[in-house]
Amino acid sequence: MDFTALRAYLAAKPGAVEDFPFDLVTLVSKVGGKMFALVSTDEDPLRVNLKCDPLKAEILRESYPAVLPGYHMNKRHWNTVVLDGSIPDEDLLAMIDESYALVVQGLPKAKRPPV
């Protein structure tokens, strides 16, 4: 998946907002003010940090060499996914969907986007 497709998928999530709060190269996608994806736009291949259930995070890391403990994140709850083409797009999209869902689930009801 290339940057344009990744960015479009992240932006299409209900209530998703883009920001560059850390620097000019780390795209952060948020919902309800909370991060659900961080994309390192200056890396080749691209890397994206995604929130994940801790047990599932371990399984994904064992299944895919391109899934690593979250860089600069809580390594129990975040994975860094290297977009080197080794992970099928449908699996990557499922990881993004889970990250988004976990963050939305943790939001107060007043901050959750309409379904």
PDB file of N, CA and C in Angstrom:
ATOM      1  N   MET A   1       0.852  -1.174   0.000  1.00  0.00           N
ATOM      2  CA  MET A   1       0.000   0.000   0.000  1.00  0.00           C
ATOM      3  C   MET A   1       0.898   1.237   0.000  1.00  0.00           C
ATOM      4  N   ASP A   2       0.565   2.188  -0.849  1.00  0.00           N
ATOM      5  CA  ASP A   2       1.374   3.408  -0.932  1.00  0.00           C
ATOM      6  C   ASP A   2       0.810   4.485   0.007  1.00  0.00           C
ATOM      7  N   PHE A   3       1.545   5.577   0.124  1.00  0.00           N
ATOM      8  CA  PHE A   3       1.181   6.638   1.059  1.00  0.00           C
ATOM      9  C   PHE A   3      -0.188   7.233   0.740  1.00  0.00           C
ATOM     10  N   THR A   4      -0.465   7.468  -0.526  1.00  0.00           N
ATOM     11  CA  THR A   4      -1.742   8.084  -0.908  1.00  0.00           C
ATOM     12  C   THR A   4      -2.917   7.213  -0.486  1.00  0.00           C
ATOM     13  N   ALA A   5      -2.840   5.916  -0.746  1.00  0.00           N
ATOM     14  CA  ALA A   5      -3.923   4.999  -0.379  1.00  0.00           C
ATOM     15  C   ALA A   5      -4.047   4.888   1.145  1.00  0.00           C
ATOM     16  N   LEU A   6      -2.913   4.812   1.838  1.00  0.00           N
ATOM     17  CA  LEU A   6      -2.929   4.733   3.293  1.00  0.00           C
ATOM     18  C   LEU A   6      -3.562   5.981   3.901  1.00  0.00           C
ATOM     19  N   ARG A   7      -3.138   7.128   3.439  1.00  0.00           N
ATOM     20  CA  ARG A   7      -3.654   8.395   3.961  1.00  0.00           C
ATOM     21  C   ARG A   7      -5.156   8.508   3.712  1.00  0.00           C
ATOM     22  N   ALA A   8      -5.602   8.118   2.532  1.00  0.00           N
ATOM     23  CA  ALA A   8      -7.026   8.179   2.206  1.00  0.00           C
ATOM     24  C   ALA A   8      -7.832   7.244   3.107  1.00  0.00           C
ATOM     25  N   TYR A   9      -7.304   6.049   3.368  1.00  0.00           N
ATOM     26  CA  TYR A   9      -8.017   5.092   4.215  1.00  0.00           C
ATOM     27  C   TYR A   9      -8.135   5.619   5.646  1.00  0.00           C
ATOM     28  N   LEU A  10      -7.041   6.164   6.161  1.00  0.00           N
ATOM     29  CA  LEU A  10      -7.055   6.725   7.515  1.00  0.00           C
ATOM     30  C   LEU A  10      -8.031   7.897   7.611  1.00  0.00           C
ATOM     31  N   ALA A  11      -7.997   8.772   6.619  1.00  0.00           N
ATOM     32  CA  ALA A  11      -8.845   9.972   6.629  1.00  0.00           C
ATOM     33  C   ALA A  11     -10.328   9.645   6.476  1.00  0.00           C
ATOM     34  N   ALA A  12     -10.643   8.478   5.896  1.00  0.00           N
ATOM     35  CA  ALA A  12     -12.034   8.100   5.670  1.00  0.00           C
ATOM     36  C   ALA A  12     -12.728   7.569   6.929  1.00  0.00           C
ATOM     37  N   LYS A  13     -11.965   7.326   7.976  1.00  0.00           N
ATOM     38  CA  LYS A  13     -12.564   6.839   9.218  1.00  0.00           C
ATOM     39  C   LYS A  13     -13.440   7.952   9.818  1.00  0.00           C
ATOM     40  N   PRO A  14     -14.625   7.612  10.323  1.00  0.00           N
ATOM     41  CA  PRO A  14     -15.503   8.630  10.902  1.00  0.00           C
ATOM     42  C   PRO A  14     -14.810   9.420  12.017  1.00  0.00           C
ATOM     43  N   GLY A  15     -14.841  10.727  11.902  1.00  0.00           N
ATOM     44  CA  GLY A  15     -14.255  11.595  12.909  1.00  0.00           C
ATOM     45  C   GLY A  15     -12.742  11.723  12.844  1.00  0.00           C
ATOM     46  N   ALA A  16     -12.100  11.101  11.849  1.00  0.00           N
ATOM     47  CA  ALA A  16     -10.636  11.129  11.750  1.00  0.00           C
ATOM     48  C   ALA A  16     -10.145  12.522  11.383  1.00  0.00           C
ATOM     49  N   VAL A  17      -9.058  12.920  12.035  1.00  0.00           N
ATOM     50  CA  VAL A  17      -8.415  14.207  11.804  1.00  0.00           C
ATOM     51  C   VAL A  17      -6.919  13.961  11.656  1.00  0.00           C
ATOM     52  N   GLU A  18      -6.291  14.645  10.688  1.00  0.00           N
ATOM     53  CA  GLU A  18      -4.846  14.550  10.488  1.00  0.00           C
ATOM     54  C   GLU A  18      -4.142  15.690  11.199  1.00  0.00           C
ATOM     55  N   ASP A  19      -2.916  15.404  11.639  1.00  0.00           N
ATOM     56  CA  ASP A  19      -2.122  16.428  12.296  1.00  0.00           C
ATOM     57  C   ASP A  19      -0.648  16.060  12.160  1.00  0.00           C
ATOM     58  N   PHE A  20       0.210  17.033  12.324  1.00  0.00           N
ATOM     59  CA  PHE A  20       1.660  16.837  12.384  1.00  0.00           C
ATOM     60  C   PHE A  20       2.150  17.466  13.695  1.00  0.00           C
ATOM     61  N   PRO A  21       1.772  16.902  14.859  1.00  0.00           N
ATOM     62  CA  PRO A  21       2.080  17.548  16.129  1.00  0.00           C
ATOM     63  C   PRO A  21       3.536  17.431  16.581  1.00  0.00           C
ATOM     64  N   PHE A  22       4.264  16.460  16.054  1.00  0.00           N
ATOM     65  CA  PHE A  22       5.618  16.197  16.529  1.00  0.00           C
ATOM     66  C   PHE A  22       6.695  16.822  15.656  1.00  0.00           C
ATOM     67  N   ASP A  23       6.493  16.745  14.339  1.00  0.00           N
ATOM     68  CA  ASP A  23       7.475  17.245  13.376  1.00  0.00           C
ATOM     69  C   ASP A  23       6.785  17.330  12.019  1.00  0.00           C
ATOM     70  N   LEU A  24       7.551  17.601  10.988  1.00  0.00           N
ATOM     71  CA  LEU A  24       6.963  17.766   9.651  1.00  0.00           C
ATOM     72  C   LEU A  24       6.862  16.462   8.865  1.00  0.00           C
ATOM     73  N   VAL A  25       7.298  15.344   9.441  1.00  0.00           N
ATOM     74  CA  VAL A  25       7.299  14.084   8.701  1.00  0.00           C
ATOM     75  C   VAL A  25       6.455  12.980   9.333  1.00  0.00           C
ATOM     76  N   THR A  26       5.942  13.203  10.539  1.00  0.00           N
ATOM     77  CA  THR A  26       5.136  12.175  11.196  1.00  0.00           C
ATOM     78  C   THR A  26       3.672  12.577  11.150  1.00  0.00           C
ATOM     79  N   LEU A  27       2.940  11.942  10.244  1.00  0.00           N
ATOM     80  CA  LEU A  27       1.506  12.184  10.097  1.00  0.00           C
ATOM     81  C   LEU A  27       0.771  11.410  11.189  1.00  0.00           C
ATOM     82  N   VAL A  28      -0.026  12.111  11.970  1.00  0.00           N
ATOM     83  CA  VAL A  28      -0.787  11.486  13.048  1.00  0.00           C
ATOM     84  C   VAL A  28      -2.267  11.557  12.702  1.00  0.00           C
ATOM     85  N   SER A  29      -2.925  10.397  12.740  1.00  0.00           N
ATOM     86  CA  SER A  29      -4.372  10.337  12.556  1.00  0.00           C
ATOM     87  C   SER A  29      -5.004  10.153  13.919  1.00  0.00           C
ATOM     88  N   LYS A  30      -5.979  11.021  14.225  1.00  0.00           N
ATOM     89  CA  LYS A  30      -6.630  11.006  15.529  1.00  0.00           C
ATOM     90  C   LYS A  30      -8.137  10.895  15.364  1.00  0.00           C
ATOM     91  N   VAL A  31      -8.773  10.389  16.421  1.00  0.00           N
ATOM     92  CA  VAL A  31     -10.220  10.412  16.533  1.00  0.00           C
ATOM     93  C   VAL A  31     -10.525  10.810  17.969  1.00  0.00           C
ATOM     94  N   GLY A  32     -11.397  11.776  18.144  1.00  0.00           N
ATOM     95  CA  GLY A  32     -11.721  12.249  19.483  1.00  0.00           C
ATOM     96  C   GLY A  32     -10.513  12.778  20.233  1.00  0.00           C
ATOM     97  N   GLY A  33      -9.531  13.284  19.503  1.00  0.00           N
ATOM     98  CA  GLY A  33      -8.330  13.825  20.113  1.00  0.00           C
ATOM     99  C   GLY A  33      -7.285  12.782  20.486  1.00  0.00           C
ATOM    100  N   LYS A  34      -7.529  11.511  20.189  1.00  0.00           N
ATOM    101  CA  LYS A  34      -6.605  10.422  20.524  1.00  0.00           C
ATOM    102  C   LYS A  34      -6.021   9.808  19.251  1.00  0.00           C
ATOM    103  N   MET A  35      -4.744   9.466  19.302  1.00  0.00           N
ATOM    104  CA  MET A  35      -4.056   8.898  18.142  1.00  0.00           C
ATOM    105  C   MET A  35      -4.491   7.455  17.891  1.00  0.00           C
ATOM    106  N   PHE A  36      -4.716   7.130  16.612  1.00  0.00           N
ATOM    107  CA  PHE A  36      -4.929   5.734  16.244  1.00  0.00           C
ATOM    108  C   PHE A  36      -3.936   5.269  15.187  1.00  0.00           C
ATOM    109  N   ALA A  37      -3.198   6.204  14.562  1.00  0.00           N
ATOM    110  CA  ALA A  37      -2.161   5.833  13.588  1.00  0.00           C
ATOM    111  C   ALA A  37      -1.133   6.941  13.489  1.00  0.00           C
ATOM    112  N   LEU A  38       0.131   6.549  13.364  1.00  0.00           N
ATOM    113  CA  LEU A  38       1.232   7.486  13.131  1.00  0.00           C
ATOM    114  C   LEU A  38       2.007   6.961  11.938  1.00  0.00           C
ATOM    115  N   VAL A  39       2.174   7.789  10.930  1.00  0.00           N
ATOM    116  CA  VAL A  39       2.854   7.377   9.704  1.00  0.00           C
ATOM    117  C   VAL A  39       4.156   8.155   9.566  1.00  0.00           C
ATOM    118  N   SER A  40       5.256   7.427   9.413  1.00  0.00           N
ATOM    119  CA  SER A  40       6.557   8.055   9.158  1.00  0.00           C
ATOM    120  C   SER A  40       6.673   8.283   7.659  1.00  0.00           C
ATOM    121  N   THR A  41       6.383   9.494   7.231  1.00  0.00           N
ATOM    122  CA  THR A  41       6.305   9.780   5.792  1.00  0.00           C
ATOM    123  C   THR A  41       7.671   9.869   5.119  1.00  0.00           C
ATOM    124  N   ASP A  42       8.739   9.960   5.908  1.00  0.00           N
ATOM    125  CA  ASP A  42      10.069  10.093   5.324  1.00  0.00           C
ATOM    126  C   ASP A  42      10.820   8.758   5.242  1.00  0.00           C
ATOM    127  N   GLU A  43      10.171   7.670   5.568  1.00  0.00           N
ATOM    128  CA  GLU A  43      10.822   6.359   5.532  1.00  0.00           C
ATOM    129  C   GLU A  43      10.453   5.624   4.251  1.00  0.00           C
ATOM    130  N   ASP A  44      11.383   4.844   3.758  1.00  0.00           N
ATOM    131  CA  ASP A  44      11.139   4.010   2.584  1.00  0.00           C
ATOM    132  C   ASP A  44      11.685   2.622   2.887  1.00  0.00           C
ATOM    133  N   PRO A  45      10.815   1.642   3.100  1.00  0.00           N
ATOM    134  CA  PRO A  45       9.364   1.699   2.976  1.00  0.00           C
ATOM    135  C   PRO A  45       8.705   2.460   4.135  1.00  0.00           C
ATOM    136  N   LEU A  46       7.464   2.864   3.884  1.00  0.00           N
ATOM    137  CA  LEU A  46       6.684   3.550   4.906  1.00  0.00           C
ATOM    138  C   LEU A  46       6.544   2.677   6.147  1.00  0.00           C
ATOM    139  N   ARG A  47       6.366   3.337   7.282  1.00  0.00           N
ATOM    140  CA  ARG A  47       6.079   2.654   8.540  1.00  0.00           C
ATOM    141  C   ARG A  47       4.883   3.336   9.172  1.00  0.00           C
ATOM    142  N   VAL A  48       4.011   2.514   9.769  1.00  0.00           N
ATOM    143  CA  VAL A  48       2.846   3.058  10.452  1.00  0.00           C
ATOM    144  C   VAL A  48       2.729   2.393  11.824  1.00  0.00           C
ATOM    145  N   ASN A  49       2.533   3.196  12.855  1.00  0.00           N
ATOM    146  CA  ASN A  49       2.292   2.681  14.198  1.00  0.00           C
ATOM    147  C   ASN A  49       0.791   2.568  14.399  1.00  0.00           C
ATOM    148  N   LEU A  50       0.361   1.399  14.883  1.00  0.00           N
ATOM    149  CA  LEU A  50      -1.056   1.137  15.095  1.00  0.00           C
ATOM    150  C   LEU A  50      -1.277   0.515  16.456  1.00  0.00           C
ATOM    151  N   LYS A  51      -2.343   0.928  17.109  1.00  0.00           N
ATOM    152  CA  LYS A  51      -2.714   0.361  18.396  1.00  0.00           C
ATOM    153  C   LYS A  51      -3.226  -1.064  18.170  1.00  0.00           C
ATOM    154  N   CYS A  52      -3.001  -1.931  19.164  1.00  0.00           N
ATOM    155  CA  CYS A  52      -3.396  -3.324  18.991  1.00  0.00           C
ATOM    156  C   CYS A  52      -3.633  -3.962  20.358  1.00  0.00           C
ATOM    157  N   ASP A  53      -4.548  -4.897  20.408  1.00  0.00           N
ATOM    158  CA  ASP A  53      -4.734  -5.703  21.604  1.00  0.00           C
ATOM    159  C   ASP A  53      -3.402  -6.403  21.903  1.00  0.00           C
ATOM    160  N   PRO A  54      -2.935  -6.385  23.164  1.00  0.00           N
ATOM    161  CA  PRO A  54      -1.619  -6.947  23.479  1.00  0.00           C
ATOM    162  C   PRO A  54      -1.403  -8.398  23.036  1.00  0.00           C
ATOM    163  N   LEU A  55      -2.401  -9.259  23.206  1.00  0.00           N
ATOM    164  CA  LEU A  55      -2.236 -10.655  22.780  1.00  0.00           C
ATOM    165  C   LEU A  55      -2.160 -10.758  21.263  1.00  0.00           C
ATOM    166  N   LYS A  56      -3.000 -10.014  20.590  1.00  0.00           N
ATOM    167  CA  LYS A  56      -2.984 -10.024  19.129  1.00  0.00           C
ATOM    168  C   LYS A  56      -1.690  -9.411  18.596  1.00  0.00           C
ATOM    169  N   ALA A  57      -1.166  -8.405  19.298  1.00  0.00           N
ATOM    170  CA  ALA A  57       0.092  -7.776  18.880  1.00  0.00           C
ATOM    171  C   ALA A  57       1.206  -8.810  18.822  1.00  0.00           C
ATOM    172  N   GLU A  58       1.279  -9.667  19.824  1.00  0.00           N
ATOM    173  CA  GLU A  58       2.312 -10.712  19.845  1.00  0.00           C
ATOM    174  C   GLU A  58       2.130 -11.699  18.690  1.00  0.00           C
ATOM    175  N   ILE A  59       0.895 -12.069  18.428  1.00  0.00           N
ATOM    176  CA  ILE A  59       0.611 -13.011  17.333  1.00  0.00           C
ATOM    177  C   ILE A  59       1.018 -12.398  15.993  1.00  0.00           C
ATOM    178  N   LEU A  60       0.676 -11.115  15.788  1.00  0.00           N
ATOM    179  CA  LEU A  60       1.032 -10.448  14.531  1.00  0.00           C
ATOM    180  C   LEU A  60       2.551 -10.356  14.372  1.00  0.00           C
ATOM    181  N   ARG A  61       3.256 -10.086  15.462  1.00  0.00           N
ATOM    182  CA  ARG A  61       4.718  -9.992  15.395  1.00  0.00           C
ATOM    183  C   ARG A  61       5.348 -11.332  15.058  1.00  0.00           C
ATOM    184  N   GLU A  62       4.741 -12.416  15.544  1.00  0.00           N
ATOM    185  CA  GLU A  62       5.248 -13.758  15.233  1.00  0.00           C
ATOM    186  C   GLU A  62       4.892 -14.159  13.802  1.00  0.00           C
ATOM    187  N   SER A  63       3.766 -13.660  13.297  1.00  0.00           N
ATOM    188  CA  SER A  63       3.295 -14.044  11.960  1.00  0.00           C
ATOM    189  C   SER A  63       3.963 -13.271  10.834  1.00  0.00           C
ATOM    190  N   TYR A  64       4.306 -12.018  11.095  1.00  0.00           N
ATOM    191  CA  TYR A  64       4.855 -11.142  10.055  1.00  0.00           C
ATOM    192  C   TYR A  64       6.162 -10.498  10.534  1.00  0.00           C
ATOM    193  N   PRO A  65       7.264 -10.739   9.837  1.00  0.00           N
ATOM    194  CA  PRO A  65       8.513 -10.056  10.192  1.00  0.00           C
ATOM    195  C   PRO A  65       8.407  -8.529  10.075  1.00  0.00           C
ATOM    196  N   ALA A  66       7.460  -8.033   9.292  1.00  0.00           N
ATOM    197  CA  ALA A  66       7.285  -6.592   9.091  1.00  0.00           C
ATOM    198  C   ALA A  66       6.466  -5.934  10.205  1.00  0.00           C
ATOM    199  N   VAL A  67       6.017  -6.713  11.178  1.00  0.00           N
ATOM    200  CA  VAL A  67       5.301  -6.155  12.329  1.00  0.00           C
ATOM    201  C   VAL A  67       6.251  -6.202  13.522  1.00  0.00           C
ATOM    202  N   LEU A  68       6.555  -5.009  14.032  1.00  0.00           N
ATOM    203  CA  LEU A  68       7.543  -4.849  15.098  1.00  0.00           C
ATOM    204  C   LEU A  68       6.899  -4.186  16.319  1.00  0.00           C
ATOM    205  N   PRO A  69       7.528  -4.303  17.485  1.00  0.00           N
ATOM    206  CA  PRO A  69       7.013  -3.542  18.634  1.00  0.00           C
ATOM    207  C   PRO A  69       6.991  -2.048  18.295  1.00  0.00           C
ATOM    208  N   GLY A  70       5.995  -1.345  18.771  1.00  0.00           N
ATOM    209  CA  GLY A  70       5.783   0.066  18.423  1.00  0.00           C
ATOM    210  C   GLY A  70       6.978   0.958  18.736  1.00  0.00           C
ATOM    211  N   TYR A  71       7.493   1.609  17.711  1.00  0.00           N
ATOM    212  CA  TYR A  71       8.628   2.519  17.848  1.00  0.00           C
ATOM    213  C   TYR A  71       8.194   3.774  18.587  1.00  0.00           C
ATOM    214  N   HIS A  72       8.871   4.095  19.682  1.00  0.00           N
ATOM    215  CA  HIS A  72       8.556   5.247  20.534  1.00  0.00           C
ATOM    216  C   HIS A  72       7.146   5.183  21.120  1.00  0.00           C
ATOM    217  N   MET A  73       6.613   3.983  21.268  1.00  0.00           N
ATOM    218  CA  MET A  73       5.263   3.816  21.800  1.00  0.00           C
ATOM    219  C   MET A  73       5.296   2.740  22.883  1.00  0.00           C
ATOM    220  N   ASN A  74       4.183   2.569  23.585  1.00  0.00           N
ATOM    221  CA  ASN A  74       4.047   1.475  24.533  1.00  0.00           C
ATOM    222  C   ASN A  74       4.052   0.182  23.720  1.00  0.00           C
ATOM    223  N   LYS A  75       5.111  -0.586  23.853  1.00  0.00           N
ATOM    224  CA  LYS A  75       5.317  -1.757  23.004  1.00  0.00           C
ATOM    225  C   LYS A  75       4.324  -2.887  23.285  1.00  0.00           C
ATOM    226  N   ARG A  76       3.625  -2.791  24.370  1.00  0.00           N
ATOM    227  CA  ARG A  76       2.609  -3.802  24.673  1.00  0.00           C
ATOM    228  C   ARG A  76       1.337  -3.538  23.862  1.00  0.00           C
ATOM    229  N   HIS A  77       1.050  -2.265  23.608  1.00  0.00           N
ATOM    230  CA  HIS A  77      -0.218  -1.889  22.972  1.00  0.00           C
ATOM    231  C   HIS A  77      -0.079  -1.349  21.550  1.00  0.00           C
ATOM    232  N   TRP A  78       1.145  -1.171  21.068  1.00  0.00           N
ATOM    233  CA  TRP A  78       1.343  -0.589  19.746  1.00  0.00           C
ATOM    234  C   TRP A  78       2.324  -1.424  18.925  1.00  0.00           C
ATOM    235  N   ASN A  79       2.036  -1.537  17.640  1.00  0.00           N
ATOM    236  CA  ASN A  79       2.935  -2.177  16.681  1.00  0.00           C
ATOM    237  C   ASN A  79       3.391  -1.156  15.654  1.00  0.00           C
ATOM    238  N   THR A  80       4.606  -1.324  15.184  1.00  0.00           N
ATOM    239  CA  THR A  80       5.070  -0.608  14.002  1.00  0.00           C
ATOM    240  C   THR A  80       4.981  -1.587  12.848  1.00  0.00           C
ATOM    241  N   VAL A  81       4.277  -1.193  11.795  1.00  0.00           N
ATOM    242  CA  VAL A  81       4.091  -2.051  10.634  1.00  0.00           C
ATOM    243  C   VAL A  81       4.891  -1.447   9.478  1.00  0.00           C
ATOM    244  N   VAL A  82       5.828  -2.221   8.959  1.00  0.00           N
ATOM    245  CA  VAL A  82       6.649  -1.791   7.830  1.00  0.00           C
ATOM    246  C   VAL A  82       5.893  -2.164   6.553  1.00  0.00           C
ATOM    247  N   LEU A  83       5.594  -1.167   5.736  1.00  0.00           N
ATOM    248  CA  LEU A  83       4.809  -1.403   4.515  1.00  0.00           C
ATOM    249  C   LEU A  83       5.746  -1.768   3.368  1.00  0.00           C
ATOM    250  N   ASP A  84       6.316  -2.968   3.478  1.00  0.00           N
ATOM    251  CA  ASP A  84       7.278  -3.452   2.483  1.00  0.00           C
ATOM    252  C   ASP A  84       6.647  -4.390   1.464  1.00  0.00           C
ATOM    253  N   GLY A  85       5.319  -4.527   1.516  1.00  0.00           N
ATOM    254  CA  GLY A  85       4.609  -5.384   0.573  1.00  0.00           C
ATOM    255  C   GLY A  85       4.446  -6.816   1.049  1.00  0.00           C
ATOM    256  N   SER A  86       5.019  -7.151   2.202  1.00  0.00           N
ATOM    257  CA  SER A  86       4.947  -8.534   2.684  1.00  0.00           C
ATOM    258  C   SER A  86       3.632  -8.841   3.409  1.00  0.00           C
ATOM    259  N   ILE A  87       2.900  -7.813   3.781  1.00  0.00           N
ATOM    260  CA  ILE A  87       1.619  -8.003   4.466  1.00  0.00           C
ATOM    261  C   ILE A  87       0.506  -7.710   3.470  1.00  0.00           C
ATOM    262  N   PRO A  88      -0.411  -8.655   3.281  1.00  0.00           N
ATOM    263  CA  PRO A  88      -1.526  -8.402   2.351  1.00  0.00           C
ATOM    264  C   PRO A  88      -2.313  -7.162   2.782  1.00  0.00           C
ATOM    265  N   ASP A  89      -2.761  -6.391   1.791  1.00  0.00           N
ATOM    266  CA  ASP A  89      -3.492  -5.157   2.081  1.00  0.00           C
ATOM    267  C   ASP A  89      -4.694  -5.391   2.994  1.00  0.00           C
ATOM    268  N   GLU A  90      -5.409  -6.505   2.803  1.00  0.00           N
ATOM    269  CA  GLU A  90      -6.588  -6.753   3.637  1.00  0.00           C
ATOM    270  C   GLU A  90      -6.191  -6.946   5.104  1.00  0.00           C
ATOM    271  N   ASP A  91      -5.024  -7.535   5.359  1.00  0.00           N
ATOM    272  CA  ASP A  91      -4.560  -7.686   6.739  1.00  0.00           C
ATOM    273  C   ASP A  91      -4.138  -6.331   7.320  1.00  0.00           C
ATOM    274  N   LEU A  92      -3.490  -5.517   6.507  1.00  0.00           N
ATOM    275  CA  LEU A  92      -3.109  -4.184   6.951  1.00  0.00           C
ATOM    276  C   LEU A  92      -4.354  -3.350   7.261  1.00  0.00           C
ATOM    277  N   LEU A  93      -5.345  -3.405   6.398  1.00  0.00           N
ATOM    278  CA  LEU A  93      -6.583  -2.661   6.630  1.00  0.00           C
ATOM    279  C   LEU A  93      -7.276  -3.132   7.906  1.00  0.00           C
ATOM    280  N   ALA A  94      -7.227  -4.437   8.170  1.00  0.00           N
ATOM    281  CA  ALA A  94      -7.812  -4.973   9.400  1.00  0.00           C
ATOM    282  C   ALA A  94      -7.064  -4.446  10.627  1.00  0.00           C
ATOM    283  N   MET A  95      -5.744  -4.312  10.526  1.00  0.00           N
ATOM    284  CA  MET A  95      -4.963  -3.749  11.643  1.00  0.00           C
ATOM    285  C   MET A  95      -5.342  -2.293  11.886  1.00  0.00           C
ATOM    286  N   ILE A  96      -5.529  -1.538  10.807  1.00  0.00           N
ATOM    287  CA  ILE A  96      -5.945  -0.137  10.933  1.00  0.00           C
ATOM    288  C   ILE A  96      -7.331  -0.060  11.561  1.00  0.00           C
ATOM    289  N   ASP A  97      -8.247  -0.904  11.073  1.00  0.00           N
ATOM    290  CA  ASP A  97      -9.613  -0.915  11.612  1.00  0.00           C
ATOM    291  C   ASP A  97      -9.612  -1.228  13.104  1.00  0.00           C
ATOM    292  N   GLU A  98      -8.777  -2.185  13.521  1.00  0.00           N
ATOM    293  CA  GLU A  98      -8.715  -2.541  14.939  1.00  0.00           C
ATOM    294  C   GLU A  98      -8.150  -1.386  15.772  1.00  0.00           C
ATOM    295  N   SER A  99      -7.102  -0.742  15.266  1.00  0.00           N
ATOM    296  CA  SER A  99      -6.515   0.384  15.978  1.00  0.00           C
ATOM    297  C   SER A  99      -7.561   1.479  16.192  1.00  0.00           C
ATOM    298  N   TYR A 100      -8.257   1.811  15.126  1.00  0.00           N
ATOM    299  CA  TYR A 100      -9.308   2.833  15.191  1.00  0.00           C
ATOM    300  C   TYR A 100     -10.387   2.412  16.198  1.00  0.00           C
ATOM    301  N   ALA A 101     -10.847   1.166  16.120  1.00  0.00           N
ATOM    302  CA  ALA A 101     -11.920   0.684  16.993  1.00  0.00           C
ATOM    303  C   ALA A 101     -11.493   0.701  18.462  1.00  0.00           C
ATOM    304  N   LEU A 102     -10.245   0.317  18.741  1.00  0.00           N
ATOM    305  CA  LEU A 102      -9.761   0.330  20.119  1.00  0.00           C
ATOM    306  C   LEU A 102      -9.750   1.749  20.689  1.00  0.00           C
ATOM    307  N   VAL A 103      -9.329   2.702  19.869  1.00  0.00           N
ATOM    308  CA  VAL A 103      -9.282   4.087  20.339  1.00  0.00           C
ATOM    309  C   VAL A 103     -10.697   4.625  20.542  1.00  0.00           C
ATOM    310  N   VAL A 104     -11.585   4.380  19.600  1.00  0.00           N
ATOM    311  CA  VAL A 104     -12.972   4.851  19.730  1.00  0.00           C
ATOM    312  C   VAL A 104     -13.624   4.232  20.962  1.00  0.00           C
ATOM    313  N   GLN A 105     -13.368   2.958  21.188  1.00  0.00           N
ATOM    314  CA  GLN A 105     -13.938   2.249  22.331  1.00  0.00           C
ATOM    315  C   GLN A 105     -13.497   2.884  23.654  1.00  0.00           C
ATOM    316  N   GLY A 106     -12.300   3.430  23.692  1.00  0.00           N
ATOM    317  CA  GLY A 106     -11.792   4.046  24.902  1.00  0.00           C
ATOM    318  C   GLY A 106     -12.218   5.497  25.107  1.00  0.00           C
ATOM    319  N   LEU A 107     -12.879   6.069  24.122  1.00  0.00           N
ATOM    320  CA  LEU A 107     -13.323   7.461  24.229  1.00  0.00           C
ATOM    321  C   LEU A 107     -14.592   7.571  25.065  1.00  0.00           C
ATOM    322  N   PRO A 108     -14.760   8.693  25.762  1.00  0.00           N
ATOM    323  CA  PRO A 108     -16.064   8.929  26.407  1.00  0.00           C
ATOM    324  C   PRO A 108     -17.154   8.987  25.323  1.00  0.00           C
ATOM    325  N   LYS A 109     -18.340   8.587  25.644  1.00  0.00           N
ATOM    326  CA  LYS A 109     -19.415   8.536  24.647  1.00  0.00           C
ATOM    327  C   LYS A 109     -19.617   9.876  23.955  1.00  0.00           C
ATOM    328  N   ALA A 110     -19.427  10.971  24.659  1.00  0.00           N
ATOM    329  CA  ALA A 110     -19.628  12.294  24.073  1.00  0.00           C
ATOM    330  C   ALA A 110     -18.593  12.601  22.983  1.00  0.00           C
ATOM    331  N   LYS A 111     -17.442  11.948  23.018  1.00  0.00           N
ATOM    332  CA  LYS A 111     -16.386  12.217  22.031  1.00  0.00           C
ATOM    333  C   LYS A 111     -16.370  11.199  20.886  1.00  0.00           C
ATOM    334  N   ARG A 112     -17.194  10.170  20.966  1.00  0.00           N
ATOM    335  CA  ARG A 112     -17.210   9.147  19.924  1.00  0.00           C
ATOM    336  C   ARG A 112     -17.907   9.701  18.674  1.00  0.00           C
ATOM    337  N   PRO A 113     -17.340   9.375  17.506  1.00  0.00           N
ATOM    338  CA  PRO A 113     -17.987   9.842  16.275  1.00  0.00           C
ATOM    339  C   PRO A 113     -19.304   9.103  16.052  1.00  0.00           C
ATOM    340  N   PRO A 114     -20.240   9.751  15.359  1.00  0.00           N
ATOM    341  CA  PRO A 114     -21.496   9.065  15.053  1.00  0.00           C
ATOM    342  C   PRO A 114     -21.253   7.866  14.155  1.00  0.00           C
ATOM    343  N   VAL A 115     -21.989   6.818  14.383  1.00  0.00           N
ATOM    344  CA  VAL A 115     -21.808   5.575  13.613  1.00  0.00           C
ATOM    345  C   VAL A 115     -22.616   5.583  12.354  1.00  0.00           C
TER     346      VAL A 115
END
